[in-house]
Amino acid sequence: MGIQVAMSWDAGIELIAPLPDRDSFVKQLMETRGEGIVGVVFAVDDVEQARQAAERRGIAIYYTVDYSQDEIDQHLQGRFRKYKEYMLDPSGTYGAGPVIGQIEPK
């Protein structure tokens, strides 16, 4: 994905940085906004229901992360059985995107 990640699952903190000479969502974001908070994840029991509620309120989906089990095993140490997030449109939040996520441990 063109990023380097430092993660503390127990603390719920993820730090990300673009890798040199690689194009990525994070690199593009930093080139236009600079460093800062990209998103704040709100855990939900049913991410599709939360997405539909956001869309009914006119909130657009800005970015989606939906890992398959193979990707979870490869990139997230197999810690989860579901990992799906929707970043909501950050235009009304000073650029820090609210994220709704369904992340289920194994």
PDB file of N, CA and C in Angstrom:
ATOM      1  N   MET A   1       0.817  -1.205   0.000  1.00  0.00           N
ATOM      2  CA  MET A   1       0.000   0.000   0.000  1.00  0.00           C
ATOM      3  C   MET A   1       0.857   1.265   0.000  1.00  0.00           C
ATOM      4  N   GLY A   2       2.173   1.108   0.005  1.00  0.00           N
ATOM      5  CA  GLY A   2       3.065   2.258  -0.071  1.00  0.00           C
ATOM      6  C   GLY A   2       3.225   3.030   1.218  1.00  0.00           C
ATOM      7  N   ILE A   3       2.960   2.366   2.355  1.00  0.00           N
ATOM      8  CA  ILE A   3       3.080   3.048   3.645  1.00  0.00           C
ATOM      9  C   ILE A   3       3.851   2.188   4.637  1.00  0.00           C
ATOM     10  N   GLN A   4       4.411   2.850   5.622  1.00  0.00           N
ATOM     11  CA  GLN A   4       5.028   2.177   6.762  1.00  0.00           C
ATOM     12  C   GLN A   4       4.107   2.420   7.954  1.00  0.00           C
ATOM     13  N   VAL A   5       3.873   1.376   8.746  1.00  0.00           N
ATOM     14  CA  VAL A   5       2.914   1.461   9.833  1.00  0.00           C
ATOM     15  C   VAL A   5       3.555   1.023  11.147  1.00  0.00           C
ATOM     16  N   ALA A   6       3.285   1.785  12.198  1.00  0.00           N
ATOM     17  CA  ALA A   6       3.615   1.378  13.567  1.00  0.00           C
ATOM     18  C   ALA A   6       2.282   1.303  14.298  1.00  0.00           C
ATOM     19  N   MET A   7       1.979   0.139  14.855  1.00  0.00           N
ATOM     20  CA  MET A   7       0.651  -0.112  15.402  1.00  0.00           C
ATOM     21  C   MET A   7       0.731  -0.655  16.817  1.00  0.00           C
ATOM     22  N   SER A   8      -0.133  -0.149  17.658  1.00  0.00           N
ATOM     23  CA  SER A   8      -0.353  -0.747  18.975  1.00  0.00           C
ATOM     24  C   SER A   8      -1.829  -1.106  19.044  1.00  0.00           C
ATOM     25  N   TRP A   9      -2.124  -2.387  18.821  1.00  0.00           N
ATOM     26  CA  TRP A   9      -3.516  -2.816  18.859  1.00  0.00           C
ATOM     27  C   TRP A   9      -4.113  -2.591  20.242  1.00  0.00           C
ATOM     28  N   ASP A  10      -3.336  -2.813  21.294  1.00  0.00           N
ATOM     29  CA  ASP A  10      -3.847  -2.661  22.654  1.00  0.00           C
ATOM     30  C   ASP A  10      -4.185  -1.205  22.984  1.00  0.00           C
ATOM     31  N   ALA A  11      -3.371  -0.279  22.512  1.00  0.00           N
ATOM     32  CA  ALA A  11      -3.622   1.137  22.774  1.00  0.00           C
ATOM     33  C   ALA A  11      -4.581   1.752  21.763  1.00  0.00           C
ATOM     34  N   GLY A  12      -4.751   1.096  20.611  1.00  0.00           N
ATOM     35  CA  GLY A  12      -5.636   1.625  19.580  1.00  0.00           C
ATOM     36  C   GLY A  12      -5.044   2.791  18.822  1.00  0.00           C
ATOM     37  N   ILE A  13      -3.724   2.772  18.636  1.00  0.00           N
ATOM     38  CA  ILE A  13      -3.040   3.862  17.937  1.00  0.00           C
ATOM     39  C   ILE A  13      -2.305   3.302  16.735  1.00  0.00           C
ATOM     40  N   GLU A  14      -2.458   3.982  15.601  1.00  0.00           N
ATOM     41  CA  GLU A  14      -1.757   3.604  14.373  1.00  0.00           C
ATOM     42  C   GLU A  14      -1.070   4.846  13.822  1.00  0.00           C
ATOM     43  N   LEU A  15       0.230   4.764  13.646  1.00  0.00           N
ATOM     44  CA  LEU A  15       1.003   5.838  13.025  1.00  0.00           C
ATOM     45  C   LEU A  15       1.402   5.365  11.636  1.00  0.00           C
ATOM     46  N   ILE A  16       1.215   6.224  10.639  1.00  0.00           N
ATOM     47  CA  ILE A  16       1.535   5.839   9.269  1.00  0.00           C
ATOM     48  C   ILE A  16       2.397   6.908   8.612  1.00  0.00           C
ATOM     49  N   ALA A  17       3.228   6.456   7.683  1.00  0.00           N
ATOM     50  CA  ALA A  17       4.083   7.359   6.928  1.00  0.00           C
ATOM     51  C   ALA A  17       4.253   6.786   5.528  1.00  0.00           C
ATOM     52  N   PRO A  18       4.312   7.652   4.508  1.00  0.00           N
ATOM     53  CA  PRO A  18       4.510   7.146   3.154  1.00  0.00           C
ATOM     54  C   PRO A  18       5.935   6.626   2.974  1.00  0.00           C
ATOM     55  N   LEU A  19       6.066   5.559   2.196  1.00  0.00           N
ATOM     56  CA  LEU A  19       7.388   5.042   1.852  1.00  0.00           C
ATOM     57  C   LEU A  19       7.983   5.904   0.745  1.00  0.00           C
ATOM     58  N   PRO A  20       9.298   6.140   0.781  1.00  0.00           N
ATOM     59  CA  PRO A  20       9.933   6.934  -0.271  1.00  0.00           C
ATOM     60  C   PRO A  20       9.752   6.258  -1.635  1.00  0.00           C
ATOM     61  N   ASP A  21       9.599   7.063  -2.659  1.00  0.00           N
ATOM     62  CA  ASP A  21       9.519   6.587  -4.049  1.00  0.00           C
ATOM     63  C   ASP A  21       8.341   5.655  -4.305  1.00  0.00           C
ATOM     64  N   ARG A  22       7.289   5.717  -3.482  1.00  0.00           N
ATOM     65  CA  ARG A  22       6.066   4.921  -3.697  1.00  0.00           C
ATOM     66  C   ARG A  22       4.877   5.863  -3.654  1.00  0.00           C
ATOM     67  N   ASP A  23       3.942   5.653  -4.561  1.00  0.00           N
ATOM     68  CA  ASP A  23       2.723   6.448  -4.534  1.00  0.00           C
ATOM     69  C   ASP A  23       1.736   5.787  -3.583  1.00  0.00           C
ATOM     70  N   SER A  24       1.032   6.576  -2.804  1.00  0.00           N
ATOM     71  CA  SER A  24       0.052   6.039  -1.872  1.00  0.00           C
ATOM     72  C   SER A  24      -0.960   7.121  -1.527  1.00  0.00           C
ATOM     73  N   PHE A  25      -2.073   6.686  -0.977  1.00  0.00           N
ATOM     74  CA  PHE A  25      -3.103   7.591  -0.475  1.00  0.00           C
ATOM     75  C   PHE A  25      -2.502   8.546   0.558  1.00  0.00           C
ATOM     76  N   VAL A  26      -1.668   8.010   1.437  1.00  0.00           N
ATOM     77  CA  VAL A  26      -1.067   8.809   2.506  1.00  0.00           C
ATOM     78  C   VAL A  26      -0.114   9.855   1.928  1.00  0.00           C
ATOM     79  N   LYS A  27       0.688   9.466   0.948  1.00  0.00           N
ATOM     80  CA  LYS A  27       1.619  10.419   0.330  1.00  0.00           C
ATOM     81  C   LYS A  27       0.850  11.570  -0.317  1.00  0.00           C
ATOM     82  N   GLN A  28      -0.208  11.239  -1.052  1.00  0.00           N
ATOM     83  CA  GLN A  28      -1.014  12.278  -1.703  1.00  0.00           C
ATOM     84  C   GLN A  28      -1.656  13.198  -0.677  1.00  0.00           C
ATOM     85  N   LEU A  29      -2.146  12.618   0.401  1.00  0.00           N
ATOM     86  CA  LEU A  29      -2.777  13.405   1.457  1.00  0.00           C
ATOM     87  C   LEU A  29      -1.774  14.353   2.103  1.00  0.00           C
ATOM     88  N   MET A  30      -0.587  13.853   2.403  1.00  0.00           N
ATOM     89  CA  MET A  30       0.431  14.694   3.051  1.00  0.00           C
ATOM     90  C   MET A  30       0.937  15.788   2.124  1.00  0.00           C
ATOM     91  N   GLU A  31       0.988  15.515   0.825  1.00  0.00           N
ATOM     92  CA  GLU A  31       1.434  16.545  -0.119  1.00  0.00           C
ATOM     93  C   GLU A  31       0.448  17.703  -0.197  1.00  0.00           C
ATOM     94  N   THR A  32      -0.840  17.427   0.017  1.00  0.00           N
ATOM     95  CA  THR A  32      -1.832  18.493  -0.061  1.00  0.00           C
ATOM     96  C   THR A  32      -2.118  19.142   1.297  1.00  0.00           C
ATOM     97  N   ARG A  33      -2.025  18.378   2.403  1.00  0.00           N
ATOM     98  CA  ARG A  33      -2.400  18.889   3.731  1.00  0.00           C
ATOM     99  C   ARG A  33      -1.263  19.014   4.711  1.00  0.00           C
ATOM    100  N   GLY A  34      -0.191  18.289   4.481  1.00  0.00           N
ATOM    101  CA  GLY A  34       0.867  18.229   5.479  1.00  0.00           C
ATOM    102  C   GLY A  34       0.581  17.118   6.481  1.00  0.00           C
ATOM    103  N   GLU A  35       1.389  17.054   7.531  1.00  0.00           N
ATOM    104  CA  GLU A  35       1.228  16.013   8.548  1.00  0.00           C
ATOM    105  C   GLU A  35       0.031  16.320   9.440  1.00  0.00           C
ATOM    106  N   GLY A  36      -0.489  15.275  10.075  1.00  0.00           N
ATOM    107  CA  GLY A  36      -1.584  15.488  11.019  1.00  0.00           C
ATOM    108  C   GLY A  36      -2.454  14.254  11.144  1.00  0.00           C
ATOM    109  N   ILE A  37      -3.588  14.428  11.768  1.00  0.00           N
ATOM    110  CA  ILE A  37      -4.529  13.325  11.965  1.00  0.00           C
ATOM    111  C   ILE A  37      -5.242  13.041  10.650  1.00  0.00           C
ATOM    112  N   VAL A  38      -5.228  11.778  10.257  1.00  0.00           N
ATOM    113  CA  VAL A  38      -5.911  11.365   9.036  1.00  0.00           C
ATOM    114  C   VAL A  38      -7.338  10.951   9.363  1.00  0.00           C
ATOM    115  N   GLY A  39      -7.502  10.168  10.421  1.00  0.00           N
ATOM    116  CA  GLY A  39      -8.840   9.706  10.747  1.00  0.00           C
ATOM    117  C   GLY A  39      -8.952   9.241  12.177  1.00  0.00           C
ATOM    118  N   VAL A  40     -10.188   9.187  12.634  1.00  0.00           N
ATOM    119  CA  VAL A  40     -10.513   8.646  13.944  1.00  0.00           C
ATOM    120  C   VAL A  40     -11.547   7.556  13.705  1.00  0.00           C
ATOM    121  N   VAL A  41     -11.230   6.332  14.152  1.00  0.00           N
ATOM    122  CA  VAL A  41     -12.098   5.187  13.895  1.00  0.00           C
ATOM    123  C   VAL A  41     -13.092   5.005  15.033  1.00  0.00           C
ATOM    124  N   PHE A  42     -14.354   4.874  14.650  1.00  0.00           N
ATOM    125  CA  PHE A  42     -15.417   4.554  15.585  1.00  0.00           C
ATOM    126  C   PHE A  42     -15.836   3.115  15.307  1.00  0.00           C
ATOM    127  N   ALA A  43     -15.662   2.243  16.289  1.00  0.00           N
ATOM    128  CA  ALA A  43     -16.003   0.832  16.132  1.00  0.00           C
ATOM    129  C   ALA A  43     -17.515   0.663  16.172  1.00  0.00           C
ATOM    130  N   VAL A  44     -18.035  -0.105  15.220  1.00  0.00           N
ATOM    131  CA  VAL A  44     -19.468  -0.391  15.164  1.00  0.00           C
ATOM    132  C   VAL A  44     -19.658  -1.898  15.027  1.00  0.00           C
ATOM    133  N   ASP A  45     -20.820  -2.375  15.439  1.00  0.00           N
ATOM    134  CA  ASP A  45     -21.118  -3.804  15.333  1.00  0.00           C
ATOM    135  C   ASP A  45     -21.474  -4.218  13.914  1.00  0.00           C
ATOM    136  N   ASP A  46     -22.076  -3.308  13.137  1.00  0.00           N
ATOM    137  CA  ASP A  46     -22.484  -3.609  11.766  1.00  0.00           C
ATOM    138  C   ASP A  46     -22.095  -2.433  10.878  1.00  0.00           C
ATOM    139  N   VAL A  47     -20.960  -2.553  10.207  1.00  0.00           N
ATOM    140  CA  VAL A  47     -20.418  -1.443   9.428  1.00  0.00           C
ATOM    141  C   VAL A  47     -21.297  -1.107   8.220  1.00  0.00           C
ATOM    142  N   GLU A  48     -21.985  -2.089   7.666  1.00  0.00           N
ATOM    143  CA  GLU A  48     -22.852  -1.807   6.522  1.00  0.00           C
ATOM    144  C   GLU A  48     -24.071  -0.994   6.962  1.00  0.00           C
ATOM    145  N   GLN A  49     -24.624  -1.308   8.109  1.00  0.00           N
ATOM    146  CA  GLN A  49     -25.741  -0.545   8.643  1.00  0.00           C
ATOM    147  C   GLN A  49     -25.297   0.892   8.941  1.00  0.00           C
ATOM    148  N   ALA A  50     -24.115   1.065   9.505  1.00  0.00           N
ATOM    149  CA  ALA A  50     -23.586   2.400   9.803  1.00  0.00           C
ATOM    150  C   ALA A  50     -23.319   3.176   8.514  1.00  0.00           C
ATOM    151  N   ARG A  51     -22.794   2.500   7.488  1.00  0.00           N
ATOM    152  CA  ARG A  51     -22.559   3.158   6.191  1.00  0.00           C
ATOM    153  C   ARG A  51     -23.883   3.642   5.599  1.00  0.00           C
ATOM    154  N   GLN A  52     -24.896   2.800   5.626  1.00  0.00           N
ATOM    155  CA  GLN A  52     -26.204   3.183   5.086  1.00  0.00           C
ATOM    156  C   GLN A  52     -26.787   4.377   5.845  1.00  0.00           C
ATOM    157  N   ALA A  53     -26.625   4.392   7.160  1.00  0.00           N
ATOM    158  CA  ALA A  53     -27.118   5.517   7.966  1.00  0.00           C
ATOM    159  C   ALA A  53     -26.391   6.806   7.579  1.00  0.00           C
ATOM    160  N   ALA A  54     -25.083   6.721   7.376  1.00  0.00           N
ATOM    161  CA  ALA A  54     -24.314   7.902   6.958  1.00  0.00           C
ATOM    162  C   ALA A  54     -24.786   8.388   5.591  1.00  0.00           C
ATOM    163  N   GLU A  55     -24.965   7.477   4.661  1.00  0.00           N
ATOM    164  CA  GLU A  55     -25.399   7.860   3.313  1.00  0.00           C
ATOM    165  C   GLU A  55     -26.802   8.470   3.321  1.00  0.00           C
ATOM    166  N   ARG A  56     -27.700   7.952   4.168  1.00  0.00           N
ATOM    167  CA  ARG A  56     -29.044   8.540   4.280  1.00  0.00           C
ATOM    168  C   ARG A  56     -28.970   9.990   4.761  1.00  0.00           C
ATOM    169  N   ARG A  57     -27.935  10.302   5.509  1.00  0.00           N
ATOM    170  CA  ARG A  57     -27.750  11.672   6.010  1.00  0.00           C
ATOM    171  C   ARG A  57     -26.938  12.534   5.045  1.00  0.00           C
ATOM    172  N   GLY A  58     -26.640  12.001   3.871  1.00  0.00           N
ATOM    173  CA  GLY A  58     -25.918  12.757   2.856  1.00  0.00           C
ATOM    174  C   GLY A  58     -24.411  12.774   3.037  1.00  0.00           C
ATOM    175  N   ILE A  59     -23.883  11.882   3.867  1.00  0.00           N
ATOM    176  CA  ILE A  59     -22.437  11.818   4.092  1.00  0.00           C
ATOM    177  C   ILE A  59     -21.834  10.829   3.102  1.00  0.00           C
ATOM    178  N   ALA A  60     -20.936  11.294   2.291  1.00  0.00           N
ATOM    179  CA  ALA A  60     -20.317  10.453   1.271  1.00  0.00           C
ATOM    180  C   ALA A  60     -19.212   9.583   1.861  1.00  0.00           C
ATOM    181  N   ILE A  61     -18.989   8.444   1.224  1.00  0.00           N
ATOM    182  CA  ILE A  61     -17.872   7.568   1.584  1.00  0.00           C
ATOM    183  C   ILE A  61     -16.659   8.048   0.803  1.00  0.00           C
ATOM    184  N   TYR A  62     -15.585   8.315   1.511  1.00  0.00           N
ATOM    185  CA  TYR A  62     -14.375   8.881   0.923  1.00  0.00           C
ATOM    186  C   TYR A  62     -13.372   7.799   0.551  1.00  0.00           C
ATOM    187  N   TYR A  63     -13.286   6.728   1.341  1.00  0.00           N
ATOM    188  CA  TYR A  63     -12.281   5.694   1.143  1.00  0.00           C
ATOM    189  C   TYR A  63     -12.742   4.436   1.867  1.00  0.00           C
ATOM    190  N   THR A  64     -12.468   3.267   1.283  1.00  0.00           N
ATOM    191  CA  THR A  64     -12.884   1.997   1.877  1.00  0.00           C
ATOM    192  C   THR A  64     -11.695   1.067   2.041  1.00  0.00           C
ATOM    193  N   VAL A  65     -11.616   0.405   3.199  1.00  0.00           N
ATOM    194  CA  VAL A  65     -10.638  -0.662   3.440  1.00  0.00           C
ATOM    195  C   VAL A  65     -11.450  -1.913   3.769  1.00  0.00           C
ATOM    196  N   ASP A  66     -11.265  -2.957   2.975  1.00  0.00           N
ATOM    197  CA  ASP A  66     -11.992  -4.214   3.192  1.00  0.00           C
ATOM    198  C   ASP A  66     -11.015  -5.354   2.934  1.00  0.00           C
ATOM    199  N   TYR A  67     -10.391  -5.845   4.009  1.00  0.00           N
ATOM    200  CA  TYR A  67      -9.393  -6.896   3.879  1.00  0.00           C
ATOM    201  C   TYR A  67     -10.044  -8.268   3.771  1.00  0.00           C
ATOM    202  N   SER A  68      -9.547  -9.080   2.852  1.00  0.00           N
ATOM    203  CA  SER A  68      -9.922 -10.489   2.798  1.00  0.00           C
ATOM    204  C   SER A  68      -9.190 -11.203   3.941  1.00  0.00           C
ATOM    205  N   GLN A  69      -9.579 -12.441   4.215  1.00  0.00           N
ATOM    206  CA  GLN A  69      -8.893 -13.181   5.284  1.00  0.00           C
ATOM    207  C   GLN A  69      -7.418 -13.389   4.938  1.00  0.00           C
ATOM    208  N   ASP A  70      -7.103 -13.609   3.661  1.00  0.00           N
ATOM    209  CA  ASP A  70      -5.690 -13.742   3.261  1.00  0.00           C
ATOM    210  C   ASP A  70      -4.912 -12.464   3.553  1.00  0.00           C
ATOM    211  N   GLU A  71      -5.511 -11.309   3.276  1.00  0.00           N
ATOM    212  CA  GLU A  71      -4.841 -10.033   3.551  1.00  0.00           C
ATOM    213  C   GLU A  71      -4.706  -9.795   5.058  1.00  0.00           C
ATOM    214  N   ILE A  72      -5.725 -10.178   5.809  1.00  0.00           N
ATOM    215  CA  ILE A  72      -5.645 -10.069   7.273  1.00  0.00           C
ATOM    216  C   ILE A  72      -4.498 -10.936   7.786  1.00  0.00           C
ATOM    217  N   ASP A  73      -4.401 -12.153   7.281  1.00  0.00           N
ATOM    218  CA  ASP A  73      -3.334 -13.059   7.712  1.00  0.00           C
ATOM    219  C   ASP A  73      -1.964 -12.509   7.330  1.00  0.00           C
ATOM    220  N   GLN A  74      -1.848 -11.939   6.132  1.00  0.00           N
ATOM    221  CA  GLN A  74      -0.562 -11.454   5.644  1.00  0.00           C
ATOM    222  C   GLN A  74      -0.143 -10.137   6.299  1.00  0.00           C
ATOM    223  N   HIS A  75      -1.063  -9.183   6.413  1.00  0.00           N
ATOM    224  CA  HIS A  75      -0.694  -7.835   6.846  1.00  0.00           C
ATOM    225  C   HIS A  75      -1.023  -7.521   8.305  1.00  0.00           C
ATOM    226  N   LEU A  76      -1.922  -8.304   8.906  1.00  0.00           N
ATOM    227  CA  LEU A  76      -2.379  -7.984  10.264  1.00  0.00           C
ATOM    228  C   LEU A  76      -2.177  -9.156  11.217  1.00  0.00           C
ATOM    229  N   GLN A  77      -1.180  -9.960  10.932  1.00  0.00           N
ATOM    230  CA  GLN A  77      -0.795 -11.100  11.774  1.00  0.00           C
ATOM    231  C   GLN A  77      -1.951 -12.061  12.057  1.00  0.00           C
ATOM    232  N   GLY A  78      -2.953 -12.087  11.181  1.00  0.00           N
ATOM    233  CA  GLY A  78      -4.067 -13.011  11.346  1.00  0.00           C
ATOM    234  C   GLY A  78      -4.901 -12.766  12.582  1.00  0.00           C
ATOM    235  N   ARG A  79      -4.853 -11.562  13.128  1.00  0.00           N
ATOM    236  CA  ARG A  79      -5.516 -11.270  14.403  1.00  0.00           C
ATOM    237  C   ARG A  79      -7.032 -11.160  14.316  1.00  0.00           C
ATOM    238  N   PHE A  80      -7.564 -11.031  13.100  1.00  0.00           N
ATOM    239  CA  PHE A  80      -8.980 -10.712  12.957  1.00  0.00           C
ATOM    240  C   PHE A  80      -9.683 -11.670  12.011  1.00  0.00           C
ATOM    241  N   ARG A  81     -11.009 -11.738  12.178  1.00  0.00           N
ATOM    242  CA  ARG A  81     -11.810 -12.491  11.206  1.00  0.00           C
ATOM    243  C   ARG A  81     -12.545 -11.539  10.289  1.00  0.00           C
ATOM    244  N   LYS A  82     -12.634 -10.261  10.663  1.00  0.00           N
ATOM    245  CA  LYS A  82     -13.208  -9.233   9.795  1.00  0.00           C
ATOM    246  C   LYS A  82     -12.503  -7.921  10.076  1.00  0.00           C
ATOM    247  N   TYR A  83     -12.185  -7.205   8.984  1.00  0.00           N
ATOM    248  CA  TYR A  83     -11.562  -5.889   9.108  1.00  0.00           C
ATOM    249  C   TYR A  83     -12.061  -5.046   7.935  1.00  0.00           C
ATOM    250  N   LYS A  84     -13.043  -4.212   8.226  1.00  0.00           N
ATOM    251  CA  LYS A  84     -13.606  -3.359   7.179  1.00  0.00           C
ATOM    252  C   LYS A  84     -13.860  -1.978   7.747  1.00  0.00           C
ATOM    253  N   GLU A  85     -13.424  -0.956   6.997  1.00  0.00           N
ATOM    254  CA  GLU A  85     -13.589   0.431   7.421  1.00  0.00           C
ATOM    255  C   GLU A  85     -14.089   1.280   6.252  1.00  0.00           C
ATOM    256  N   TYR A  86     -14.902   2.252   6.586  1.00  0.00           N
ATOM    257  CA  TYR A  86     -15.307   3.285   5.632  1.00  0.00           C
ATOM    258  C   TYR A  86     -14.883   4.627   6.205  1.00  0.00           C
ATOM    259  N   MET A  87     -14.047   5.358   5.462  1.00  0.00           N
ATOM    260  CA  MET A  87     -13.708   6.723   5.861  1.00  0.00           C
ATOM    261  C   MET A  87     -14.782   7.617   5.260  1.00  0.00           C
ATOM    262  N   LEU A  88     -15.409   8.399   6.125  1.00  0.00           N
ATOM    263  CA  LEU A  88     -16.455   9.309   5.682  1.00  0.00           C
ATOM    264  C   LEU A  88     -15.827  10.600   5.175  1.00  0.00           C
ATOM    265  N   ASP A  89     -16.566  11.303   4.359  1.00  0.00           N
ATOM    266  CA  ASP A  89     -16.084  12.544   3.754  1.00  0.00           C
ATOM    267  C   ASP A  89     -15.564  13.498   4.826  1.00  0.00           C
ATOM    268  N   PRO A  90     -14.280  13.870   4.751  1.00  0.00           N
ATOM    269  CA  PRO A  90     -13.698  14.727   5.786  1.00  0.00           C
ATOM    270  C   PRO A  90     -13.850  16.223   5.517  1.00  0.00           C
ATOM    271  N   SER A  91     -14.591  16.613   4.479  1.00  0.00           N
ATOM    272  CA  SER A  91     -14.626  18.027   4.104  1.00  0.00           C
ATOM    273  C   SER A  91     -15.198  18.927   5.196  1.00  0.00           C
ATOM    274  N   GLY A  92     -16.086  18.423   6.046  1.00  0.00           N
ATOM    275  CA  GLY A  92     -16.655  19.247   7.112  1.00  0.00           C
ATOM    276  C   GLY A  92     -15.979  19.074   8.457  1.00  0.00           C
ATOM    277  N   THR A  93     -14.843  18.373   8.475  1.00  0.00           N
ATOM    278  CA  THR A  93     -14.182  18.082   9.754  1.00  0.00           C
ATOM    279  C   THR A  93     -12.730  18.554   9.767  1.00  0.00           C
ATOM    280  N   TYR A  94     -12.438  19.615   9.037  1.00  0.00           N
ATOM    281  CA  TYR A  94     -11.086  20.167   8.976  1.00  0.00           C
ATOM    282  C   TYR A  94     -10.076  19.135   8.499  1.00  0.00           C
ATOM    283  N   GLY A  95     -10.532  18.170   7.684  1.00  0.00           N
ATOM    284  CA  GLY A  95      -9.633  17.203   7.072  1.00  0.00           C
ATOM    285  C   GLY A  95      -9.400  15.933   7.844  1.00  0.00           C
ATOM    286  N   ALA A  96      -9.789  15.853   9.111  1.00  0.00           N
ATOM    287  CA  ALA A  96      -9.631  14.614   9.882  1.00  0.00           C
ATOM    288  C   ALA A  96     -10.877  13.773   9.659  1.00  0.00           C
ATOM    289  N   GLY A  97     -10.710  12.685   8.935  1.00  0.00           N
ATOM    290  CA  GLY A  97     -11.853  11.890   8.528  1.00  0.00           C
ATOM    291  C   GLY A  97     -12.415  10.996   9.608  1.00  0.00           C
ATOM    292  N   PRO A  98     -13.722  11.110   9.858  1.00  0.00           N
ATOM    293  CA  PRO A  98     -14.334  10.111  10.723  1.00  0.00           C
ATOM    294  C   PRO A  98     -14.389   8.779   9.972  1.00  0.00           C
ATOM    295  N   VAL A  99     -14.091   7.700  10.680  1.00  0.00           N
ATOM    296  CA  VAL A  99     -14.063   6.380  10.078  1.00  0.00           C
ATOM    297  C   VAL A  99     -14.988   5.471  10.890  1.00  0.00           C
ATOM    298  N   ILE A 100     -15.822   4.715  10.187  1.00  0.00           N
ATOM    299  CA  ILE A 100     -16.625   3.706  10.855  1.00  0.00           C
ATOM    300  C   ILE A 100     -16.000   2.353  10.503  1.00  0.00           C
ATOM    301  N   GLY A 101     -15.798   1.522  11.497  1.00  0.00           N
ATOM    302  CA  GLY A 101     -15.099   0.273  11.249  1.00  0.00           C
ATOM    303  C   GLY A 101     -15.689  -0.894  12.011  1.00  0.00           C
ATOM    304  N   GLN A 102     -15.706  -2.041  11.336  1.00  0.00           N
ATOM    305  CA  GLN A 102     -16.081  -3.285  11.981  1.00  0.00           C
ATOM    306  C   GLN A 102     -14.833  -4.152  11.974  1.00  0.00           C
ATOM    307  N   ILE A 103     -14.235  -4.305  13.147  1.00  0.00           N
ATOM    308  CA  ILE A 103     -12.986  -5.032  13.297  1.00  0.00           C
ATOM    309  C   ILE A 103     -13.221  -6.113  14.350  1.00  0.00           C
ATOM    310  N   GLU A 104     -13.292  -7.353  13.894  1.00  0.00           N
ATOM    311  CA  GLU A 104     -13.641  -8.468  14.776  1.00  0.00           C
ATOM    312  C   GLU A 104     -12.434  -9.349  15.038  1.00  0.00           C
ATOM    313  N   PRO A 105     -12.019  -9.474  16.292  1.00  0.00           N
ATOM    314  CA  PRO A 105     -10.891 -10.355  16.610  1.00  0.00           C
ATOM    315  C   PRO A 105     -11.250 -11.812  16.378  1.00  0.00           C
ATOM    316  N   LYS A 106     -10.214 -12.630  16.184  1.00  0.00           N
ATOM    317  CA  LYS A 106     -10.432 -14.077  16.044  1.00  0.00           C
ATOM    318  C   LYS A 106     -10.721 -14.678  17.379  1.00  0.00           C
TER     319      LYS A 106
END
